[in-house]
Amino acid sequence: MKSDIILAGVGGQGILSIAAVLGMAALKENLHLKQAETHGMSQRGGAVVSHLRISDQPIASDLIQLGTADLILSVEPMESLRYLPFLSAKGYLVTNTNPFINIPNYPDVEQVLAEVGKLPRFVAIDADQIAKEVGNVRASNMVMLGAASPFIDLEFSKLEDGIRTIFERKGEAIVELNLAALRAGRSFAEKNM
């Protein structure tokens, strides 16, 4: 078993929370894990990318080579295109359709999504709207994780356990909100793959 995952977005969108939940789920399955944040995070709105490698065998490097990622999970559509060179020929792209417009020359969103639509395997999801329907737009990152979950070689129940562990200090209401967001994202992906 091996999953090489690129997490992409901009600062403040919850990339590190996604990575933490995935990491906790991998640990609960006694898997090996390496993670590297290679850009951003110090500035809200700046580009963020995290390489996350999960395997049942020891992992030598924490960085994913070009053309080898099994999954790009992007919480921002333009950022999904930035990391396409990492995607393997059989990999999936899961992207939010809502832009985080943080630069004056942000490209036309319809053109960005048209490029995404050219891929053979992708899920484009309005994670912000689904999170709002679930109860809090700030849970859109967990909607994204749920939408990507069918393409990650981890038991869904372990992802749920990861959410419980990561968010338990914030209280049961926050745990349940994030679980609902995860499940809503998974449901969307299963209906729209």
N, C-alpha and C. Protein backbone atom coordinates (compact mmCIF):
# COMPACT_ATOMS: atom_id res chain seq x y z
N MET A 1 0.84 -1.17 0.00
CA MET A 1 0.00 0.00 0.00
C MET A 1 0.89 1.23 0.00
N LYS A 2 0.55 2.20 -0.85
CA LYS A 2 1.29 3.45 -0.92
C LYS A 2 0.36 4.54 -1.42
N SER A 3 0.39 5.70 -0.76
CA SER A 3 -0.35 6.87 -1.22
C SER A 3 0.56 8.07 -1.16
N ASP A 4 0.79 8.70 -2.30
CA ASP A 4 1.54 9.94 -2.37
C ASP A 4 0.54 11.05 -2.70
N ILE A 5 0.40 11.99 -1.77
CA ILE A 5 -0.66 13.00 -1.84
C ILE A 5 -0.04 14.40 -1.78
N ILE A 6 -0.45 15.25 -2.72
CA ILE A 6 -0.11 16.67 -2.69
C ILE A 6 -1.33 17.40 -2.14
N LEU A 7 -1.13 18.16 -1.08
CA LEU A 7 -2.17 19.02 -0.52
C LEU A 7 -1.82 20.45 -0.93
N ALA A 8 -2.73 21.14 -1.58
CA ALA A 8 -2.43 22.48 -2.09
C ALA A 8 -3.54 23.46 -1.74
N GLY A 9 -3.15 24.70 -1.59
CA GLY A 9 -4.11 25.77 -1.32
C GLY A 9 -3.38 27.04 -0.97
N VAL A 10 -4.03 27.86 -0.18
CA VAL A 10 -3.41 29.08 0.30
C VAL A 10 -3.53 29.11 1.82
N GLY A 11 -2.66 29.90 2.44
CA GLY A 11 -2.63 29.98 3.90
C GLY A 11 -3.99 30.33 4.47
N GLY A 12 -4.38 29.63 5.52
CA GLY A 12 -5.65 29.89 6.18
C GLY A 12 -6.78 28.99 5.72
N GLN A 13 -6.54 28.11 4.75
CA GLN A 13 -7.60 27.24 4.24
C GLN A 13 -7.64 25.87 4.89
N GLY A 14 -6.77 25.60 5.84
CA GLY A 14 -6.85 24.35 6.58
C GLY A 14 -6.06 23.19 6.02
N ILE A 15 -5.03 23.47 5.22
CA ILE A 15 -4.19 22.40 4.68
C ILE A 15 -3.54 21.60 5.81
N LEU A 16 -3.03 22.28 6.82
CA LEU A 16 -2.36 21.57 7.90
C LEU A 16 -3.32 20.71 8.70
N SER A 17 -4.57 21.13 8.84
CA SER A 17 -5.57 20.29 9.52
C SER A 17 -5.86 19.03 8.70
N ILE A 18 -5.95 19.18 7.38
CA ILE A 18 -6.14 18.00 6.52
C ILE A 18 -4.97 17.04 6.71
N ALA A 19 -3.75 17.58 6.67
CA ALA A 19 -2.55 16.74 6.83
C ALA A 19 -2.55 16.06 8.20
N ALA A 20 -2.96 16.78 9.24
CA ALA A 20 -2.98 16.21 10.58
C ALA A 20 -3.98 15.05 10.67
N VAL A 21 -5.16 15.21 10.09
CA VAL A 21 -6.16 14.14 10.12
C VAL A 21 -5.66 12.93 9.34
N LEU A 22 -5.10 13.17 8.15
CA LEU A 22 -4.56 12.05 7.35
C LEU A 22 -3.43 11.35 8.10
N GLY A 23 -2.56 12.13 8.72
CA GLY A 23 -1.45 11.56 9.48
C GLY A 23 -1.94 10.72 10.63
N MET A 24 -2.92 11.22 11.37
CA MET A 24 -3.47 10.47 12.50
C MET A 24 -4.13 9.18 12.02
N ALA A 25 -4.85 9.26 10.89
CA ALA A 25 -5.49 8.06 10.34
C ALA A 25 -4.43 7.02 9.94
N ALA A 26 -3.34 7.48 9.34
CA ALA A 26 -2.27 6.56 8.94
C ALA A 26 -1.64 5.91 10.16
N LEU A 27 -1.42 6.69 11.20
CA LEU A 27 -0.83 6.15 12.42
C LEU A 27 -1.75 5.12 13.06
N LYS A 28 -3.07 5.36 12.99
CA LYS A 28 -4.03 4.42 13.57
C LYS A 28 -4.04 3.09 12.80
N GLU A 29 -3.56 3.11 11.54
CA GLU A 29 -3.45 1.88 10.76
C GLU A 29 -2.02 1.33 10.80
N ASN A 30 -1.18 1.88 11.69
CA ASN A 30 0.21 1.45 11.83
C ASN A 30 1.00 1.55 10.54
N LEU A 31 0.76 2.63 9.79
CA LEU A 31 1.46 2.85 8.53
C LEU A 31 2.61 3.82 8.73
N HIS A 32 3.53 3.82 7.80
CA HIS A 32 4.63 4.78 7.79
C HIS A 32 4.13 6.07 7.16
N LEU A 33 4.68 7.19 7.61
CA LEU A 33 4.21 8.50 7.16
C LEU A 33 5.39 9.46 7.10
N LYS A 34 5.44 10.23 6.00
CA LYS A 34 6.38 11.35 5.90
C LYS A 34 5.61 12.52 5.32
N GLN A 35 5.90 13.71 5.85
CA GLN A 35 5.21 14.90 5.39
C GLN A 35 6.20 16.04 5.31
N ALA A 36 6.03 16.88 4.29
CA ALA A 36 6.87 18.07 4.16
C ALA A 36 6.02 19.22 3.65
N GLU A 37 6.04 20.33 4.36
CA GLU A 37 5.45 21.56 3.83
C GLU A 37 6.58 22.25 3.09
N THR A 38 6.39 22.46 1.81
CA THR A 38 7.48 22.99 1.02
C THR A 38 7.33 24.46 0.66
N HIS A 39 6.19 25.05 0.93
CA HIS A 39 5.99 26.47 0.65
C HIS A 39 5.02 27.05 1.65
N GLY A 40 5.09 28.35 1.83
CA GLY A 40 4.03 29.12 2.46
C GLY A 40 3.84 28.89 3.93
N MET A 41 2.63 29.01 4.35
CA MET A 41 2.09 28.87 5.70
C MET A 41 2.35 30.08 6.58
N SER A 42 3.43 30.81 6.36
CA SER A 42 3.73 31.91 7.26
C SER A 42 2.82 33.11 7.02
N GLN A 43 2.13 33.12 5.92
CA GLN A 43 1.33 34.29 5.56
C GLN A 43 -0.06 33.85 5.12
N ARG A 44 -1.09 34.41 5.73
CA ARG A 44 -2.45 34.10 5.31
C ARG A 44 -2.63 34.56 3.87
N GLY A 45 -3.09 33.66 3.03
CA GLY A 45 -3.30 33.99 1.62
C GLY A 45 -2.12 33.63 0.74
N GLY A 46 -0.99 33.23 1.30
CA GLY A 46 0.16 32.80 0.50
C GLY A 46 0.00 31.34 0.10
N ALA A 47 0.66 30.96 -0.98
CA ALA A 47 0.56 29.58 -1.47
C ALA A 47 1.10 28.60 -0.43
N VAL A 48 0.40 27.48 -0.29
CA VAL A 48 0.80 26.42 0.64
C VAL A 48 0.72 25.09 -0.11
N VAL A 49 1.75 24.29 0.04
CA VAL A 49 1.71 22.93 -0.50
C VAL A 49 2.36 22.01 0.52
N SER A 50 1.79 20.85 0.67
CA SER A 50 2.33 19.85 1.57
C SER A 50 2.41 18.52 0.82
N HIS A 51 3.55 17.87 0.91
CA HIS A 51 3.72 16.54 0.36
C HIS A 51 3.47 15.56 1.50
N LEU A 52 2.58 14.61 1.28
CA LEU A 52 2.24 13.63 2.31
C LEU A 52 2.37 12.25 1.69
N ARG A 53 3.24 11.44 2.29
CA ARG A 53 3.50 10.10 1.79
C ARG A 53 3.14 9.09 2.87
N ILE A 54 2.29 8.12 2.50
CA ILE A 54 1.82 7.09 3.42
C ILE A 54 2.11 5.74 2.78
N SER A 55 2.65 4.81 3.57
CA SER A 55 2.99 3.50 3.01
C SER A 55 3.03 2.45 4.12
N ASP A 56 2.86 1.19 3.71
CA ASP A 56 3.05 0.09 4.67
C ASP A 56 4.52 -0.32 4.73
N GLN A 57 5.37 0.32 3.93
CA GLN A 57 6.81 0.10 3.92
C GLN A 57 7.53 1.38 4.34
N PRO A 58 8.75 1.29 4.84
CA PRO A 58 9.49 2.51 5.18
C PRO A 58 9.60 3.45 3.98
N ILE A 59 9.58 4.74 4.25
CA ILE A 59 9.61 5.78 3.22
C ILE A 59 10.94 6.51 3.33
N ALA A 60 11.67 6.59 2.22
CA ALA A 60 13.00 7.21 2.24
C ALA A 60 12.92 8.73 2.20
N SER A 61 12.08 9.27 1.35
CA SER A 61 12.04 10.72 1.15
C SER A 61 10.66 11.26 1.47
N ASP A 62 10.62 12.48 1.98
CA ASP A 62 9.32 13.09 2.25
C ASP A 62 8.78 13.88 1.06
N LEU A 63 9.56 14.02 -0.01
CA LEU A 63 9.11 14.76 -1.19
C LEU A 63 8.64 13.81 -2.28
N ILE A 64 7.60 14.22 -2.97
CA ILE A 64 7.00 13.45 -4.06
C ILE A 64 7.62 13.92 -5.36
N GLN A 65 8.04 12.99 -6.20
CA GLN A 65 8.64 13.33 -7.48
C GLN A 65 7.57 13.73 -8.49
N LEU A 66 7.97 14.52 -9.48
CA LEU A 66 7.07 14.89 -10.57
C LEU A 66 6.50 13.64 -11.21
N GLY A 67 5.20 13.68 -11.53
CA GLY A 67 4.55 12.58 -12.24
C GLY A 67 4.27 11.35 -11.41
N THR A 68 4.36 11.44 -10.07
CA THR A 68 4.16 10.23 -9.26
C THR A 68 3.05 10.35 -8.21
N ALA A 69 2.43 11.51 -8.05
CA ALA A 69 1.41 11.68 -7.02
C ALA A 69 0.15 10.89 -7.39
N ASP A 70 -0.38 10.19 -6.40
CA ASP A 70 -1.63 9.45 -6.58
C ASP A 70 -2.83 10.39 -6.51
N LEU A 71 -2.64 11.52 -5.81
CA LEU A 71 -3.76 12.43 -5.56
C LEU A 71 -3.22 13.84 -5.36
N ILE A 72 -3.92 14.79 -5.97
CA ILE A 72 -3.75 16.20 -5.62
C ILE A 72 -5.07 16.62 -5.01
N LEU A 73 -5.01 17.03 -3.75
CA LEU A 73 -6.18 17.55 -3.05
C LEU A 73 -5.94 19.05 -2.91
N SER A 74 -6.73 19.84 -3.62
CA SER A 74 -6.51 21.28 -3.63
C SER A 74 -7.76 22.01 -3.14
N VAL A 75 -7.59 22.83 -2.13
CA VAL A 75 -8.72 23.60 -1.61
C VAL A 75 -8.90 24.91 -2.36
N GLU A 76 -8.15 25.09 -3.44
CA GLU A 76 -8.22 26.31 -4.25
C GLU A 76 -7.97 25.92 -5.71
N PRO A 77 -8.85 26.30 -6.66
CA PRO A 77 -8.74 25.77 -8.02
C PRO A 77 -7.46 26.13 -8.77
N MET A 78 -6.98 27.37 -8.68
CA MET A 78 -5.76 27.72 -9.40
C MET A 78 -4.56 26.95 -8.85
N GLU A 79 -4.54 26.75 -7.54
CA GLU A 79 -3.45 25.98 -6.94
C GLU A 79 -3.46 24.54 -7.42
N SER A 80 -4.63 24.00 -7.75
CA SER A 80 -4.67 22.63 -8.27
C SER A 80 -3.91 22.55 -9.59
N LEU A 81 -4.03 23.57 -10.42
CA LEU A 81 -3.32 23.56 -11.71
C LEU A 81 -1.81 23.71 -11.52
N ARG A 82 -1.42 24.48 -10.53
CA ARG A 82 0.01 24.72 -10.28
C ARG A 82 0.76 23.40 -10.04
N TYR A 83 0.10 22.42 -9.43
CA TYR A 83 0.77 21.19 -9.04
C TYR A 83 0.46 19.99 -9.95
N LEU A 84 -0.22 20.24 -11.06
CA LEU A 84 -0.52 19.15 -11.99
C LEU A 84 0.70 18.37 -12.47
N PRO A 85 1.87 19.00 -12.63
CA PRO A 85 3.03 18.21 -13.05
C PRO A 85 3.40 17.08 -12.08
N PHE A 86 2.92 17.15 -10.86
CA PHE A 86 3.20 16.08 -9.89
C PHE A 86 2.27 14.88 -10.05
N LEU A 87 1.12 15.06 -10.69
CA LEU A 87 0.11 14.02 -10.78
C LEU A 87 0.55 12.89 -11.70
N SER A 88 0.37 11.67 -11.23
CA SER A 88 0.70 10.51 -12.07
C SER A 88 -0.36 10.34 -13.14
N ALA A 89 -0.06 9.53 -14.14
CA ALA A 89 -1.00 9.30 -15.24
C ALA A 89 -2.31 8.68 -14.76
N LYS A 90 -2.27 7.97 -13.62
CA LYS A 90 -3.47 7.33 -13.08
C LYS A 90 -4.02 8.05 -11.85
N GLY A 91 -3.44 9.20 -11.53
CA GLY A 91 -3.83 9.92 -10.32
C GLY A 91 -5.12 10.69 -10.46
N TYR A 92 -5.65 11.12 -9.32
CA TYR A 92 -6.88 11.91 -9.25
C TYR A 92 -6.57 13.32 -8.78
N LEU A 93 -7.33 14.27 -9.30
CA LEU A 93 -7.33 15.64 -8.80
C LEU A 93 -8.68 15.88 -8.14
N VAL A 94 -8.66 16.36 -6.91
CA VAL A 94 -9.88 16.76 -6.22
C VAL A 94 -9.69 18.22 -5.85
N THR A 95 -10.56 19.09 -6.39
CA THR A 95 -10.39 20.53 -6.17
C THR A 95 -11.68 21.21 -5.79
N ASN A 96 -11.53 22.22 -4.96
CA ASN A 96 -12.63 23.12 -4.65
C ASN A 96 -12.86 23.99 -5.88
N THR A 97 -14.11 24.34 -6.16
CA THR A 97 -14.41 25.20 -7.31
C THR A 97 -14.42 26.68 -6.93
N ASN A 98 -14.37 26.98 -5.65
CA ASN A 98 -14.38 28.38 -5.21
C ASN A 98 -12.97 28.92 -5.11
N PRO A 99 -12.70 30.01 -5.82
CA PRO A 99 -11.35 30.58 -5.77
C PRO A 99 -11.12 31.40 -4.50
N PHE A 100 -9.87 31.47 -4.12
CA PHE A 100 -9.42 32.40 -3.09
C PHE A 100 -8.58 33.41 -3.86
N ILE A 101 -9.20 34.49 -4.24
CA ILE A 101 -8.55 35.46 -5.12
C ILE A 101 -7.63 36.34 -4.30
N ASN A 102 -6.34 36.00 -4.36
CA ASN A 102 -5.33 36.66 -3.54
C ASN A 102 -4.29 37.41 -4.36
N ILE A 103 -4.51 37.48 -5.67
CA ILE A 103 -3.61 38.22 -6.55
C ILE A 103 -4.44 39.04 -7.53
N PRO A 104 -3.93 40.19 -7.97
CA PRO A 104 -4.73 41.05 -8.86
C PRO A 104 -4.98 40.46 -10.24
N ASN A 105 -4.12 39.57 -10.72
CA ASN A 105 -4.29 39.00 -12.06
C ASN A 105 -4.77 37.55 -12.00
N TYR A 106 -5.61 37.25 -11.02
CA TYR A 106 -6.15 35.89 -10.92
C TYR A 106 -6.87 35.56 -12.22
N PRO A 107 -6.60 34.38 -12.79
CA PRO A 107 -7.25 34.05 -14.07
C PRO A 107 -8.75 33.83 -13.92
N ASP A 108 -9.44 33.87 -15.04
CA ASP A 108 -10.88 33.62 -15.06
C ASP A 108 -11.16 32.23 -14.48
N VAL A 109 -12.04 32.17 -13.50
CA VAL A 109 -12.32 30.91 -12.81
C VAL A 109 -12.87 29.86 -13.77
N GLU A 110 -13.70 30.28 -14.71
CA GLU A 110 -14.25 29.32 -15.67
C GLU A 110 -13.14 28.69 -16.51
N GLN A 111 -12.11 29.47 -16.87
CA GLN A 111 -10.99 28.92 -17.62
C GLN A 111 -10.20 27.92 -16.77
N VAL A 112 -10.00 28.25 -15.50
CA VAL A 112 -9.30 27.35 -14.59
C VAL A 112 -10.06 26.02 -14.50
N LEU A 113 -11.37 26.10 -14.29
CA LEU A 113 -12.17 24.88 -14.16
C LEU A 113 -12.26 24.11 -15.47
N ALA A 114 -12.19 24.82 -16.61
CA ALA A 114 -12.17 24.14 -17.90
C ALA A 114 -10.89 23.31 -18.04
N GLU A 115 -9.78 23.82 -17.54
CA GLU A 115 -8.52 23.06 -17.56
C GLU A 115 -8.63 21.82 -16.67
N VAL A 116 -9.24 21.99 -15.50
CA VAL A 116 -9.46 20.84 -14.61
C VAL A 116 -10.30 19.79 -15.32
N GLY A 117 -11.34 20.25 -16.03
CA GLY A 117 -12.25 19.35 -16.72
C GLY A 117 -11.61 18.54 -17.84
N LYS A 118 -10.42 18.91 -18.27
CA LYS A 118 -9.72 18.16 -19.31
C LYS A 118 -9.05 16.91 -18.77
N LEU A 119 -8.95 16.82 -17.45
CA LEU A 119 -8.28 15.67 -16.84
C LEU A 119 -9.17 14.43 -16.91
N PRO A 120 -8.58 13.26 -17.02
CA PRO A 120 -9.40 12.04 -17.09
C PRO A 120 -10.02 11.64 -15.75
N ARG A 121 -9.39 12.04 -14.63
CA ARG A 121 -9.89 11.66 -13.31
C ARG A 121 -9.86 12.87 -12.38
N PHE A 122 -11.03 13.42 -12.09
CA PHE A 122 -11.09 14.57 -11.20
C PHE A 122 -12.45 14.66 -10.53
N VAL A 123 -12.48 15.35 -9.41
CA VAL A 123 -13.72 15.73 -8.74
C VAL A 123 -13.59 17.23 -8.47
N ALA A 124 -14.53 18.01 -8.97
CA ALA A 124 -14.59 19.45 -8.70
C ALA A 124 -15.82 19.67 -7.83
N ILE A 125 -15.61 20.26 -6.66
CA ILE A 125 -16.66 20.35 -5.65
C ILE A 125 -16.73 21.76 -5.07
N ASP A 126 -17.94 22.24 -4.87
CA ASP A 126 -18.13 23.52 -4.20
C ASP A 126 -18.12 23.24 -2.69
N ALA A 127 -16.93 23.09 -2.17
CA ALA A 127 -16.76 22.70 -0.76
C ALA A 127 -17.27 23.77 0.19
N ASP A 128 -17.15 25.03 -0.21
CA ASP A 128 -17.62 26.11 0.66
C ASP A 128 -19.13 26.04 0.85
N GLN A 129 -19.86 25.79 -0.24
CA GLN A 129 -21.32 25.70 -0.14
C GLN A 129 -21.74 24.49 0.68
N ILE A 130 -21.09 23.36 0.46
CA ILE A 130 -21.44 22.16 1.22
C ILE A 130 -21.14 22.36 2.70
N ALA A 131 -20.01 22.97 3.01
CA ALA A 131 -19.67 23.24 4.41
C ALA A 131 -20.69 24.18 5.04
N LYS A 132 -21.13 25.16 4.28
CA LYS A 132 -22.16 26.09 4.79
C LYS A 132 -23.45 25.34 5.11
N GLU A 133 -23.82 24.41 4.22
CA GLU A 133 -25.03 23.61 4.43
C GLU A 133 -24.88 22.70 5.66
N VAL A 134 -23.67 22.23 5.91
CA VAL A 134 -23.40 21.37 7.06
C VAL A 134 -23.44 22.17 8.36
N GLY A 135 -23.08 23.46 8.28
CA GLY A 135 -23.16 24.27 9.48
C GLY A 135 -22.06 25.29 9.69
N ASN A 136 -20.97 25.23 8.89
CA ASN A 136 -19.90 26.21 9.08
C ASN A 136 -18.97 26.16 7.87
N VAL A 137 -18.83 27.28 7.18
CA VAL A 137 -17.98 27.33 5.99
C VAL A 137 -16.52 27.02 6.32
N ARG A 138 -16.11 27.18 7.57
CA ARG A 138 -14.73 26.88 7.96
C ARG A 138 -14.43 25.38 7.90
N ALA A 139 -15.45 24.56 7.77
CA ALA A 139 -15.25 23.11 7.66
C ALA A 139 -15.07 22.67 6.21
N SER A 140 -14.89 23.62 5.30
CA SER A 140 -14.74 23.25 3.88
C SER A 140 -13.51 22.37 3.66
N ASN A 141 -12.47 22.51 4.49
CA ASN A 141 -11.31 21.65 4.33
C ASN A 141 -11.66 20.18 4.61
N MET A 142 -12.55 19.93 5.56
CA MET A 142 -12.95 18.55 5.84
C MET A 142 -13.90 18.04 4.76
N VAL A 143 -14.68 18.93 4.13
CA VAL A 143 -15.47 18.54 2.96
C VAL A 143 -14.52 18.07 1.87
N MET A 144 -13.43 18.82 1.67
CA MET A 144 -12.44 18.45 0.65
C MET A 144 -11.80 17.10 0.96
N LEU A 145 -11.45 16.88 2.22
CA LEU A 145 -10.86 15.59 2.60
C LEU A 145 -11.86 14.47 2.34
N GLY A 146 -13.12 14.69 2.67
CA GLY A 146 -14.14 13.68 2.39
C GLY A 146 -14.26 13.38 0.90
N ALA A 147 -14.20 14.43 0.07
CA ALA A 147 -14.30 14.25 -1.38
C ALA A 147 -13.10 13.49 -1.92
N ALA A 148 -11.95 13.64 -1.28
CA ALA A 148 -10.74 12.94 -1.72
C ALA A 148 -10.64 11.53 -1.14
N SER A 149 -11.40 11.24 -0.10
CA SER A 149 -11.25 9.97 0.62
C SER A 149 -11.42 8.72 -0.23
N PRO A 150 -12.27 8.70 -1.27
CA PRO A 150 -12.35 7.47 -2.07
C PRO A 150 -11.05 7.12 -2.80
N PHE A 151 -10.14 8.10 -2.91
CA PHE A 151 -8.90 7.91 -3.66
C PHE A 151 -7.68 7.78 -2.75
N ILE A 152 -7.93 7.65 -1.46
CA ILE A 152 -6.87 7.49 -0.47
C ILE A 152 -6.99 6.09 0.12
N ASP A 153 -5.90 5.39 0.15
CA ASP A 153 -5.91 3.99 0.60
C ASP A 153 -5.88 3.91 2.13
N LEU A 154 -6.90 4.52 2.75
CA LEU A 154 -7.09 4.46 4.20
C LEU A 154 -8.56 4.18 4.46
N GLU A 155 -8.84 3.43 5.49
CA GLU A 155 -10.23 3.17 5.85
C GLU A 155 -10.92 4.49 6.23
N PHE A 156 -12.13 4.68 5.75
CA PHE A 156 -12.87 5.90 6.05
C PHE A 156 -13.06 6.07 7.55
N SER A 157 -13.29 4.97 8.24
CA SER A 157 -13.48 5.05 9.70
C SER A 157 -12.22 5.58 10.39
N LYS A 158 -11.05 5.33 9.81
CA LYS A 158 -9.80 5.85 10.39
C LYS A 158 -9.71 7.36 10.19
N LEU A 159 -10.22 7.86 9.08
CA LEU A 159 -10.28 9.31 8.87
C LEU A 159 -11.21 9.94 9.91
N GLU A 160 -12.34 9.28 10.15
CA GLU A 160 -13.26 9.77 11.18
C GLU A 160 -12.57 9.79 12.55
N ASP A 161 -11.83 8.72 12.86
CA ASP A 161 -11.10 8.67 14.13
C ASP A 161 -10.05 9.77 14.19
N GLY A 162 -9.40 10.05 13.05
CA GLY A 162 -8.42 11.12 12.99
C GLY A 162 -9.04 12.46 13.32
N ILE A 163 -10.23 12.72 12.80
CA ILE A 163 -10.95 13.96 13.12
C ILE A 163 -11.26 14.02 14.61
N ARG A 164 -11.73 12.91 15.15
CA ARG A 164 -12.05 12.90 16.59
C ARG A 164 -10.81 13.26 17.42
N THR A 165 -9.68 12.67 17.07
CA THR A 165 -8.45 12.92 17.82
C THR A 165 -7.96 14.35 17.66
N ILE A 166 -7.93 14.84 16.44
CA ILE A 166 -7.38 16.18 16.16
C ILE A 166 -8.26 17.29 16.74
N PHE A 167 -9.58 17.12 16.69
CA PHE A 167 -10.48 18.19 17.10
C PHE A 167 -11.10 18.02 18.49
N GLU A 168 -10.80 16.92 19.20
CA GLU A 168 -11.46 16.65 20.47
C GLU A 168 -11.27 17.77 21.49
N ARG A 169 -10.14 18.44 21.48
CA ARG A 169 -9.89 19.50 22.46
C ARG A 169 -10.78 20.72 22.22
N LYS A 170 -11.39 20.80 21.03
CA LYS A 170 -12.28 21.92 20.70
C LYS A 170 -13.73 21.64 21.07
N GLY A 171 -14.01 20.43 21.53
CA GLY A 171 -15.35 20.09 21.97
C GLY A 171 -16.11 19.22 20.99
N GLU A 172 -17.13 18.57 21.52
CA GLU A 172 -17.92 17.60 20.74
C GLU A 172 -18.64 18.25 19.56
N ALA A 173 -19.12 19.48 19.71
CA ALA A 173 -19.84 20.15 18.62
C ALA A 173 -18.91 20.34 17.41
N ILE A 174 -17.67 20.70 17.64
CA ILE A 174 -16.71 20.90 16.55
C ILE A 174 -16.35 19.56 15.92
N VAL A 175 -16.19 18.54 16.74
CA VAL A 175 -15.91 17.20 16.21
C VAL A 175 -17.06 16.77 15.29
N GLU A 176 -18.29 16.90 15.75
CA GLU A 176 -19.44 16.47 14.96
C GLU A 176 -19.59 17.29 13.67
N LEU A 177 -19.32 18.58 13.74
CA LEU A 177 -19.37 19.43 12.55
C LEU A 177 -18.37 18.95 11.51
N ASN A 178 -17.15 18.66 11.94
CA ASN A 178 -16.13 18.20 11.01
C ASN A 178 -16.42 16.81 10.46
N LEU A 179 -17.00 15.94 11.28
CA LEU A 179 -17.41 14.62 10.80
C LEU A 179 -18.51 14.76 9.75
N ALA A 180 -19.46 15.64 9.99
CA ALA A 180 -20.54 15.86 9.02
C ALA A 180 -19.98 16.40 7.71
N ALA A 181 -19.01 17.30 7.81
CA ALA A 181 -18.38 17.86 6.61
C ALA A 181 -17.64 16.77 5.83
N LEU A 182 -16.88 15.93 6.54
CA LEU A 182 -16.17 14.82 5.91
C LEU A 182 -17.15 13.91 5.17
N ARG A 183 -18.22 13.54 5.84
CA ARG A 183 -19.21 12.62 5.24
C ARG A 183 -19.91 13.25 4.04
N ALA A 184 -20.20 14.55 4.11
CA ALA A 184 -20.85 15.24 2.99
C ALA A 184 -19.93 15.28 1.78
N GLY A 185 -18.65 15.52 2.00
CA GLY A 185 -17.69 15.51 0.89
C GLY A 185 -17.57 14.14 0.26
N ARG A 186 -17.53 13.11 1.09
CA ARG A 186 -17.45 11.73 0.59
C ARG A 186 -18.68 11.40 -0.26
N SER A 187 -19.84 11.78 0.24
CA SER A 187 -21.09 11.51 -0.48
C SER A 187 -21.08 12.19 -1.86
N PHE A 188 -20.64 13.44 -1.90
CA PHE A 188 -20.57 14.17 -3.17
C PHE A 188 -19.65 13.43 -4.15
N ALA A 189 -18.46 13.04 -3.68
CA ALA A 189 -17.51 12.38 -4.58
C ALA A 189 -18.07 11.07 -5.10
N GLU A 190 -18.71 10.30 -4.24
CA GLU A 190 -19.25 9.01 -4.68
C GLU A 190 -20.32 9.19 -5.75
N LYS A 191 -21.05 10.30 -5.71
CA LYS A 191 -22.10 10.56 -6.70
C LYS A 191 -21.55 11.21 -7.97
N ASN A 192 -20.34 11.80 -7.90
CA ASN A 192 -19.85 12.62 -9.02
C ASN A 192 -18.49 12.21 -9.58
N MET A 193 -18.04 11.01 -9.31
CA MET A 193 -16.74 10.58 -9.86
C MET A 193 -16.90 10.20 -11.32
